[in-house]
Amino acid sequence: MSKNNNNEYNSKLVSKVSFFLLDIDDFTKYNLTYSFEKGNEILNKIETLIKSLSYLKNYKKIDGDEFLFSCYGEFKRNKTYIFSLMQKIENELHITVSIGAIESLQTTDNFQELHRDLQLSLLIAKNNGKNKLFINL
């Protein structure tokens, strides 16, 4: 590879992106215990919290109590942010969440594939107990 081609290759490198799917643990039980109105308040508070964190990108609420978002960079750098988010939700809202994650070299246009992969990671997190984070590398 010539020096010119090497520079062209380096300019095309894309940094990694970490994608996350957050799900409220035992949300149906919460709604039945405290009311659907209180459940909606929790959803709104989590949504506000996620939107307020500048390092969380591409936020989207899906499937009632699931929130999809991303962070630029490698998972090992972003996990500190995600653990902080989980702790903040537990301390301020007195609920727990589980999160499934994947790491990619680029953003994706295939939402169904991304969502399927994230749901699998989330399922593994929940099967390991509530209030867990699982990344499928």
N, C-alpha and C. Protein backbone atom coordinates (compact mmCIF):
# COMPACT_ATOMS: atom_id res chain seq x y z
N MET A 1 0.85 -1.17 0.00
CA MET A 1 0.00 0.00 0.00
C MET A 1 0.89 1.23 0.00
N SER A 2 0.62 2.12 -0.91
CA SER A 2 1.43 3.33 -0.98
C SER A 2 1.10 4.26 0.17
N LYS A 3 1.99 5.20 0.39
CA LYS A 3 1.78 6.18 1.47
C LYS A 3 0.48 6.95 1.25
N ASN A 4 0.18 7.32 0.02
CA ASN A 4 -1.03 8.06 -0.29
C ASN A 4 -2.27 7.21 0.02
N ASN A 5 -2.26 5.94 -0.35
CA ASN A 5 -3.40 5.06 -0.06
C ASN A 5 -3.57 4.85 1.43
N ASN A 6 -2.47 4.77 2.17
CA ASN A 6 -2.54 4.60 3.61
C ASN A 6 -3.24 5.80 4.26
N ASN A 7 -2.91 7.01 3.82
CA ASN A 7 -3.57 8.20 4.35
C ASN A 7 -5.06 8.21 4.00
N GLU A 8 -5.37 7.75 2.78
CA GLU A 8 -6.77 7.68 2.37
C GLU A 8 -7.52 6.69 3.27
N TYR A 9 -6.90 5.56 3.56
CA TYR A 9 -7.52 4.55 4.43
C TYR A 9 -7.74 5.11 5.83
N ASN A 10 -6.76 5.78 6.40
CA ASN A 10 -6.88 6.35 7.75
C ASN A 10 -7.98 7.39 7.82
N SER A 11 -8.18 8.16 6.76
CA SER A 11 -9.21 9.18 6.80
C SER A 11 -10.61 8.57 6.77
N LYS A 12 -10.71 7.30 6.37
CA LYS A 12 -12.01 6.65 6.28
C LYS A 12 -12.34 5.84 7.54
N LEU A 13 -11.43 5.77 8.49
CA LEU A 13 -11.70 5.02 9.71
C LEU A 13 -12.85 5.65 10.48
N VAL A 14 -13.70 4.81 11.01
CA VAL A 14 -14.86 5.27 11.76
C VAL A 14 -14.68 4.83 13.21
N SER A 15 -14.95 5.71 14.16
CA SER A 15 -14.82 5.31 15.55
C SER A 15 -16.00 4.43 15.94
N LYS A 16 -15.86 3.77 17.05
CA LYS A 16 -16.90 2.85 17.52
C LYS A 16 -18.06 3.62 18.13
N VAL A 17 -19.20 2.96 18.11
CA VAL A 17 -20.42 3.49 18.72
C VAL A 17 -20.98 2.40 19.62
N SER A 18 -21.37 2.76 20.83
CA SER A 18 -22.03 1.83 21.74
C SER A 18 -23.52 2.14 21.74
N PHE A 19 -24.32 1.10 21.51
CA PHE A 19 -25.78 1.24 21.53
C PHE A 19 -26.32 0.56 22.78
N PHE A 20 -27.36 1.16 23.36
CA PHE A 20 -27.92 0.66 24.61
C PHE A 20 -29.45 0.59 24.53
N LEU A 21 -30.02 -0.44 25.16
CA LEU A 21 -31.46 -0.57 25.30
C LEU A 21 -31.76 -0.72 26.78
N LEU A 22 -32.40 0.29 27.35
CA LEU A 22 -32.72 0.33 28.78
C LEU A 22 -34.16 -0.11 28.97
N ASP A 23 -34.40 -0.97 29.94
CA ASP A 23 -35.74 -1.44 30.27
C ASP A 23 -35.93 -1.33 31.78
N ILE A 24 -37.08 -0.83 32.19
CA ILE A 24 -37.40 -0.69 33.61
C ILE A 24 -37.71 -2.07 34.18
N ASP A 25 -37.05 -2.44 35.26
CA ASP A 25 -37.28 -3.73 35.90
C ASP A 25 -38.65 -3.75 36.57
N ASP A 26 -39.39 -4.82 36.36
CA ASP A 26 -40.69 -5.05 37.01
C ASP A 26 -41.65 -3.88 36.83
N PHE A 27 -41.68 -3.30 35.64
CA PHE A 27 -42.51 -2.12 35.41
C PHE A 27 -44.00 -2.42 35.49
N THR A 28 -44.42 -3.58 35.02
CA THR A 28 -45.84 -3.95 35.12
C THR A 28 -46.26 -4.02 36.59
N LYS A 29 -45.41 -4.63 37.41
CA LYS A 29 -45.69 -4.71 38.85
C LYS A 29 -45.76 -3.31 39.47
N TYR A 30 -44.86 -2.42 39.04
CA TYR A 30 -44.87 -1.04 39.53
C TYR A 30 -46.19 -0.37 39.19
N ASN A 31 -46.64 -0.52 37.94
CA ASN A 31 -47.91 0.09 37.51
C ASN A 31 -49.08 -0.45 38.32
N LEU A 32 -49.10 -1.74 38.57
CA LEU A 32 -50.20 -2.34 39.32
C LEU A 32 -50.17 -1.94 40.80
N THR A 33 -48.98 -1.74 41.33
CA THR A 33 -48.84 -1.38 42.75
C THR A 33 -49.12 0.10 42.99
N TYR A 34 -48.57 0.96 42.14
CA TYR A 34 -48.63 2.40 42.39
C TYR A 34 -49.57 3.17 41.47
N SER A 35 -50.04 2.60 40.41
CA SER A 35 -50.98 3.15 39.43
C SER A 35 -50.27 3.44 38.11
N PHE A 36 -51.05 3.43 37.08
CA PHE A 36 -50.51 3.72 35.75
C PHE A 36 -50.07 5.17 35.63
N GLU A 37 -50.73 6.06 36.36
CA GLU A 37 -50.32 7.47 36.36
C GLU A 37 -48.91 7.63 36.92
N LYS A 38 -48.64 6.93 38.03
CA LYS A 38 -47.30 6.98 38.62
C LYS A 38 -46.29 6.34 37.67
N GLY A 39 -46.70 5.28 36.98
CA GLY A 39 -45.84 4.65 35.99
C GLY A 39 -45.48 5.61 34.87
N ASN A 40 -46.47 6.38 34.41
CA ASN A 40 -46.20 7.37 33.37
C ASN A 40 -45.26 8.46 33.87
N GLU A 41 -45.40 8.83 35.14
CA GLU A 41 -44.48 9.82 35.72
C GLU A 41 -43.04 9.28 35.70
N ILE A 42 -42.87 8.01 36.04
CA ILE A 42 -41.54 7.40 36.02
C ILE A 42 -40.98 7.42 34.60
N LEU A 43 -41.80 7.05 33.62
CA LEU A 43 -41.34 7.07 32.23
C LEU A 43 -40.90 8.46 31.82
N ASN A 44 -41.68 9.47 32.19
CA ASN A 44 -41.34 10.85 31.84
C ASN A 44 -40.06 11.30 32.53
N LYS A 45 -39.87 10.89 33.78
CA LYS A 45 -38.65 11.28 34.51
C LYS A 45 -37.41 10.61 33.92
N ILE A 46 -37.52 9.34 33.53
CA ILE A 46 -36.39 8.67 32.90
C ILE A 46 -36.09 9.32 31.56
N GLU A 47 -37.12 9.63 30.80
CA GLU A 47 -36.93 10.28 29.51
C GLU A 47 -36.23 11.63 29.68
N THR A 48 -36.66 12.41 30.65
CA THR A 48 -36.03 13.71 30.92
C THR A 48 -34.58 13.53 31.33
N LEU A 49 -34.32 12.54 32.17
CA LEU A 49 -32.96 12.28 32.63
C LEU A 49 -32.05 11.89 31.46
N ILE A 50 -32.51 10.99 30.62
CA ILE A 50 -31.70 10.55 29.47
C ILE A 50 -31.42 11.74 28.54
N LYS A 51 -32.44 12.53 28.26
CA LYS A 51 -32.27 13.68 27.37
C LYS A 51 -31.31 14.72 27.95
N SER A 52 -31.20 14.79 29.27
CA SER A 52 -30.36 15.80 29.90
C SER A 52 -28.87 15.45 29.90
N LEU A 53 -28.54 14.21 29.60
CA LEU A 53 -27.15 13.76 29.65
C LEU A 53 -26.51 13.92 28.28
N SER A 54 -25.57 14.84 28.17
CA SER A 54 -25.00 15.21 26.88
C SER A 54 -24.26 14.07 26.19
N TYR A 55 -23.75 13.11 26.95
CA TYR A 55 -23.00 12.01 26.34
C TYR A 55 -23.91 10.95 25.73
N LEU A 56 -25.22 10.98 26.02
CA LEU A 56 -26.15 10.04 25.42
C LEU A 56 -26.70 10.64 24.14
N LYS A 57 -26.61 9.91 23.05
CA LYS A 57 -27.00 10.41 21.73
C LYS A 57 -28.12 9.56 21.15
N ASN A 58 -28.77 10.09 20.14
CA ASN A 58 -29.75 9.35 19.33
C ASN A 58 -30.81 8.67 20.18
N TYR A 59 -31.38 9.38 21.12
CA TYR A 59 -32.37 8.86 22.03
C TYR A 59 -33.67 8.52 21.29
N LYS A 60 -34.28 7.39 21.67
CA LYS A 60 -35.59 7.01 21.13
C LYS A 60 -36.31 6.14 22.16
N LYS A 61 -37.54 6.50 22.48
CA LYS A 61 -38.37 5.69 23.38
C LYS A 61 -39.12 4.68 22.52
N ILE A 62 -39.04 3.41 22.92
CA ILE A 62 -39.71 2.35 22.17
C ILE A 62 -40.37 1.37 23.12
N ASP A 63 -41.36 0.68 22.63
CA ASP A 63 -42.02 -0.41 23.37
C ASP A 63 -42.42 -0.05 24.80
N GLY A 64 -43.02 1.09 25.01
CA GLY A 64 -43.56 1.45 26.32
C GLY A 64 -42.54 1.82 27.35
N ASP A 65 -41.79 0.84 27.87
CA ASP A 65 -40.83 1.13 28.94
C ASP A 65 -39.40 0.84 28.52
N GLU A 66 -39.12 0.90 27.23
CA GLU A 66 -37.76 0.72 26.74
C GLU A 66 -37.26 2.01 26.11
N PHE A 67 -35.98 2.29 26.34
CA PHE A 67 -35.34 3.49 25.82
C PHE A 67 -34.06 3.08 25.11
N LEU A 68 -33.92 3.50 23.87
CA LEU A 68 -32.74 3.21 23.07
C LEU A 68 -31.91 4.48 22.95
N PHE A 69 -30.60 4.36 23.11
CA PHE A 69 -29.70 5.50 22.95
C PHE A 69 -28.31 4.99 22.63
N SER A 70 -27.43 5.90 22.28
CA SER A 70 -26.06 5.51 21.95
C SER A 70 -25.07 6.47 22.60
N CYS A 71 -23.82 6.03 22.62
CA CYS A 71 -22.69 6.86 23.05
C CYS A 71 -21.59 6.65 22.03
N TYR A 72 -20.91 7.72 21.66
CA TYR A 72 -19.79 7.59 20.76
C TYR A 72 -18.60 7.04 21.51
N GLY A 73 -17.86 6.15 20.88
CA GLY A 73 -16.66 5.59 21.48
C GLY A 73 -16.86 4.16 21.93
N GLU A 74 -15.80 3.60 22.48
CA GLU A 74 -15.80 2.21 22.91
C GLU A 74 -16.61 2.00 24.18
N PHE A 75 -17.16 0.80 24.31
CA PHE A 75 -17.97 0.45 25.46
C PHE A 75 -17.19 0.60 26.77
N LYS A 76 -15.92 0.17 26.77
CA LYS A 76 -15.17 0.22 28.04
C LYS A 76 -15.04 1.64 28.56
N ARG A 77 -15.09 2.63 27.68
CA ARG A 77 -15.09 4.03 28.11
C ARG A 77 -16.50 4.45 28.54
N ASN A 78 -17.51 4.00 27.81
CA ASN A 78 -18.89 4.43 28.05
C ASN A 78 -19.56 3.73 29.23
N LYS A 79 -19.04 2.59 29.64
CA LYS A 79 -19.71 1.85 30.72
C LYS A 79 -19.78 2.66 32.01
N THR A 80 -18.81 3.50 32.26
CA THR A 80 -18.83 4.36 33.45
C THR A 80 -20.04 5.29 33.40
N TYR A 81 -20.31 5.85 32.23
CA TYR A 81 -21.49 6.72 32.06
C TYR A 81 -22.78 5.93 32.31
N ILE A 82 -22.82 4.72 31.79
CA ILE A 82 -24.05 3.92 31.89
C ILE A 82 -24.28 3.47 33.34
N PHE A 83 -23.23 3.05 34.02
CA PHE A 83 -23.39 2.68 35.44
C PHE A 83 -23.83 3.90 36.26
N SER A 84 -23.33 5.06 35.91
CA SER A 84 -23.73 6.30 36.59
C SER A 84 -25.22 6.58 36.34
N LEU A 85 -25.67 6.38 35.12
CA LEU A 85 -27.09 6.55 34.80
C LEU A 85 -27.95 5.58 35.60
N MET A 86 -27.54 4.33 35.66
CA MET A 86 -28.29 3.32 36.41
C MET A 86 -28.38 3.69 37.88
N GLN A 87 -27.27 4.15 38.43
CA GLN A 87 -27.25 4.53 39.84
C GLN A 87 -28.13 5.75 40.09
N LYS A 88 -28.09 6.71 39.18
CA LYS A 88 -28.90 7.91 39.31
C LYS A 88 -30.39 7.57 39.28
N ILE A 89 -30.79 6.68 38.39
CA ILE A 89 -32.19 6.25 38.32
C ILE A 89 -32.60 5.57 39.62
N GLU A 90 -31.76 4.69 40.11
CA GLU A 90 -32.09 3.99 41.35
C GLU A 90 -32.16 4.94 42.55
N ASN A 91 -31.21 5.86 42.66
CA ASN A 91 -31.18 6.79 43.79
C ASN A 91 -32.31 7.82 43.75
N GLU A 92 -32.62 8.33 42.56
CA GLU A 92 -33.62 9.39 42.45
C GLU A 92 -35.05 8.88 42.29
N LEU A 93 -35.21 7.75 41.60
CA LEU A 93 -36.56 7.27 41.30
C LEU A 93 -36.94 6.02 42.08
N HIS A 94 -35.98 5.42 42.75
CA HIS A 94 -36.20 4.24 43.59
C HIS A 94 -36.74 3.05 42.79
N ILE A 95 -36.21 2.91 41.58
CA ILE A 95 -36.49 1.76 40.74
C ILE A 95 -35.17 1.32 40.14
N THR A 96 -35.15 0.12 39.57
CA THR A 96 -33.94 -0.34 38.90
C THR A 96 -34.24 -0.55 37.41
N VAL A 97 -33.19 -0.54 36.64
CA VAL A 97 -33.29 -0.78 35.21
C VAL A 97 -32.24 -1.80 34.81
N SER A 98 -32.50 -2.49 33.73
CA SER A 98 -31.52 -3.38 33.13
C SER A 98 -31.22 -2.84 31.74
N ILE A 99 -29.98 -3.06 31.29
CA ILE A 99 -29.56 -2.50 30.01
C ILE A 99 -28.82 -3.55 29.20
N GLY A 100 -29.22 -3.68 27.95
CA GLY A 100 -28.51 -4.49 26.97
C GLY A 100 -27.69 -3.56 26.10
N ALA A 101 -26.51 -3.99 25.68
CA ALA A 101 -25.62 -3.12 24.90
C ALA A 101 -24.93 -3.91 23.80
N ILE A 102 -24.59 -3.20 22.74
CA ILE A 102 -23.73 -3.74 21.69
C ILE A 102 -22.77 -2.63 21.28
N GLU A 103 -21.67 -3.04 20.69
CA GLU A 103 -20.68 -2.08 20.19
C GLU A 103 -20.54 -2.30 18.70
N SER A 104 -20.48 -1.22 17.96
CA SER A 104 -20.41 -1.29 16.51
C SER A 104 -19.34 -0.34 16.00
N LEU A 105 -18.83 -0.62 14.83
CA LEU A 105 -17.85 0.28 14.22
C LEU A 105 -18.51 1.48 13.57
N GLN A 106 -19.82 1.44 13.43
CA GLN A 106 -20.52 2.54 12.77
C GLN A 106 -21.98 2.55 13.20
N THR A 107 -22.65 3.63 12.86
CA THR A 107 -24.08 3.67 13.09
C THR A 107 -24.73 2.77 12.05
N THR A 108 -25.99 2.45 12.25
CA THR A 108 -26.66 1.52 11.36
C THR A 108 -27.97 2.10 10.85
N ASP A 109 -28.33 1.72 9.64
CA ASP A 109 -29.61 2.11 9.09
C ASP A 109 -30.65 1.00 9.27
N ASN A 110 -30.22 -0.17 9.74
CA ASN A 110 -31.11 -1.31 9.90
C ASN A 110 -31.61 -1.36 11.35
N PHE A 111 -32.71 -0.66 11.61
CA PHE A 111 -33.22 -0.56 12.98
C PHE A 111 -33.67 -1.91 13.51
N GLN A 112 -34.32 -2.74 12.69
CA GLN A 112 -34.81 -4.04 13.16
C GLN A 112 -33.65 -4.92 13.65
N GLU A 113 -32.56 -4.93 12.90
CA GLU A 113 -31.41 -5.74 13.29
C GLU A 113 -30.78 -5.19 14.58
N LEU A 114 -30.63 -3.90 14.66
CA LEU A 114 -30.09 -3.26 15.87
C LEU A 114 -30.97 -3.57 17.07
N HIS A 115 -32.27 -3.40 16.93
CA HIS A 115 -33.20 -3.64 18.03
C HIS A 115 -33.18 -5.10 18.45
N ARG A 116 -33.13 -6.02 17.49
CA ARG A 116 -33.07 -7.45 17.81
C ARG A 116 -31.82 -7.78 18.61
N ASP A 117 -30.67 -7.27 18.18
CA ASP A 117 -29.41 -7.53 18.88
C ASP A 117 -29.43 -6.94 20.30
N LEU A 118 -30.01 -5.75 20.42
CA LEU A 118 -30.10 -5.12 21.74
C LEU A 118 -31.07 -5.87 22.64
N GLN A 119 -32.18 -6.34 22.09
CA GLN A 119 -33.13 -7.11 22.90
C GLN A 119 -32.50 -8.40 23.42
N LEU A 120 -31.66 -9.03 22.60
CA LEU A 120 -30.96 -10.24 23.04
C LEU A 120 -30.03 -9.91 24.20
N SER A 121 -29.27 -8.83 24.10
CA SER A 121 -28.38 -8.42 25.20
C SER A 121 -29.19 -8.07 26.45
N LEU A 122 -30.32 -7.41 26.26
CA LEU A 122 -31.17 -7.06 27.39
C LEU A 122 -31.73 -8.31 28.07
N LEU A 123 -32.15 -9.28 27.27
CA LEU A 123 -32.66 -10.53 27.83
C LEU A 123 -31.60 -11.23 28.66
N ILE A 124 -30.37 -11.25 28.18
CA ILE A 124 -29.28 -11.86 28.94
C ILE A 124 -29.05 -11.09 30.24
N ALA A 125 -29.09 -9.76 30.19
CA ALA A 125 -28.93 -8.95 31.40
C ALA A 125 -30.01 -9.31 32.42
N LYS A 126 -31.26 -9.39 31.98
CA LYS A 126 -32.36 -9.67 32.90
C LYS A 126 -32.30 -11.11 33.43
N ASN A 127 -31.84 -12.04 32.59
CA ASN A 127 -31.71 -13.42 33.05
C ASN A 127 -30.62 -13.59 34.09
N ASN A 128 -29.69 -12.64 34.14
CA ASN A 128 -28.63 -12.66 35.16
C ASN A 128 -29.05 -11.93 36.43
N GLY A 129 -30.28 -11.49 36.50
CA GLY A 129 -30.79 -10.76 37.65
C GLY A 129 -31.16 -9.35 37.21
N LYS A 130 -31.93 -8.67 37.99
CA LYS A 130 -32.33 -7.30 37.65
C LYS A 130 -31.19 -6.34 37.95
N ASN A 131 -31.31 -5.11 37.44
CA ASN A 131 -30.33 -4.06 37.68
C ASN A 131 -28.95 -4.47 37.13
N LYS A 132 -28.95 -5.00 35.91
CA LYS A 132 -27.72 -5.50 35.28
C LYS A 132 -27.49 -4.80 33.95
N LEU A 133 -26.24 -4.81 33.53
CA LEU A 133 -25.83 -4.33 32.23
C LEU A 133 -25.09 -5.46 31.54
N PHE A 134 -25.50 -5.77 30.30
CA PHE A 134 -24.81 -6.81 29.53
C PHE A 134 -24.46 -6.28 28.17
N ILE A 135 -23.21 -6.47 27.77
CA ILE A 135 -22.77 -6.08 26.42
C ILE A 135 -22.46 -7.32 25.61
N ASN A 136 -22.95 -7.34 24.39
CA ASN A 136 -22.66 -8.40 23.45
C ASN A 136 -21.63 -7.87 22.48
N LEU A 137 -20.36 -8.22 22.68
CA LEU A 137 -19.27 -7.71 21.85
C LEU A 137 -19.12 -8.52 20.57
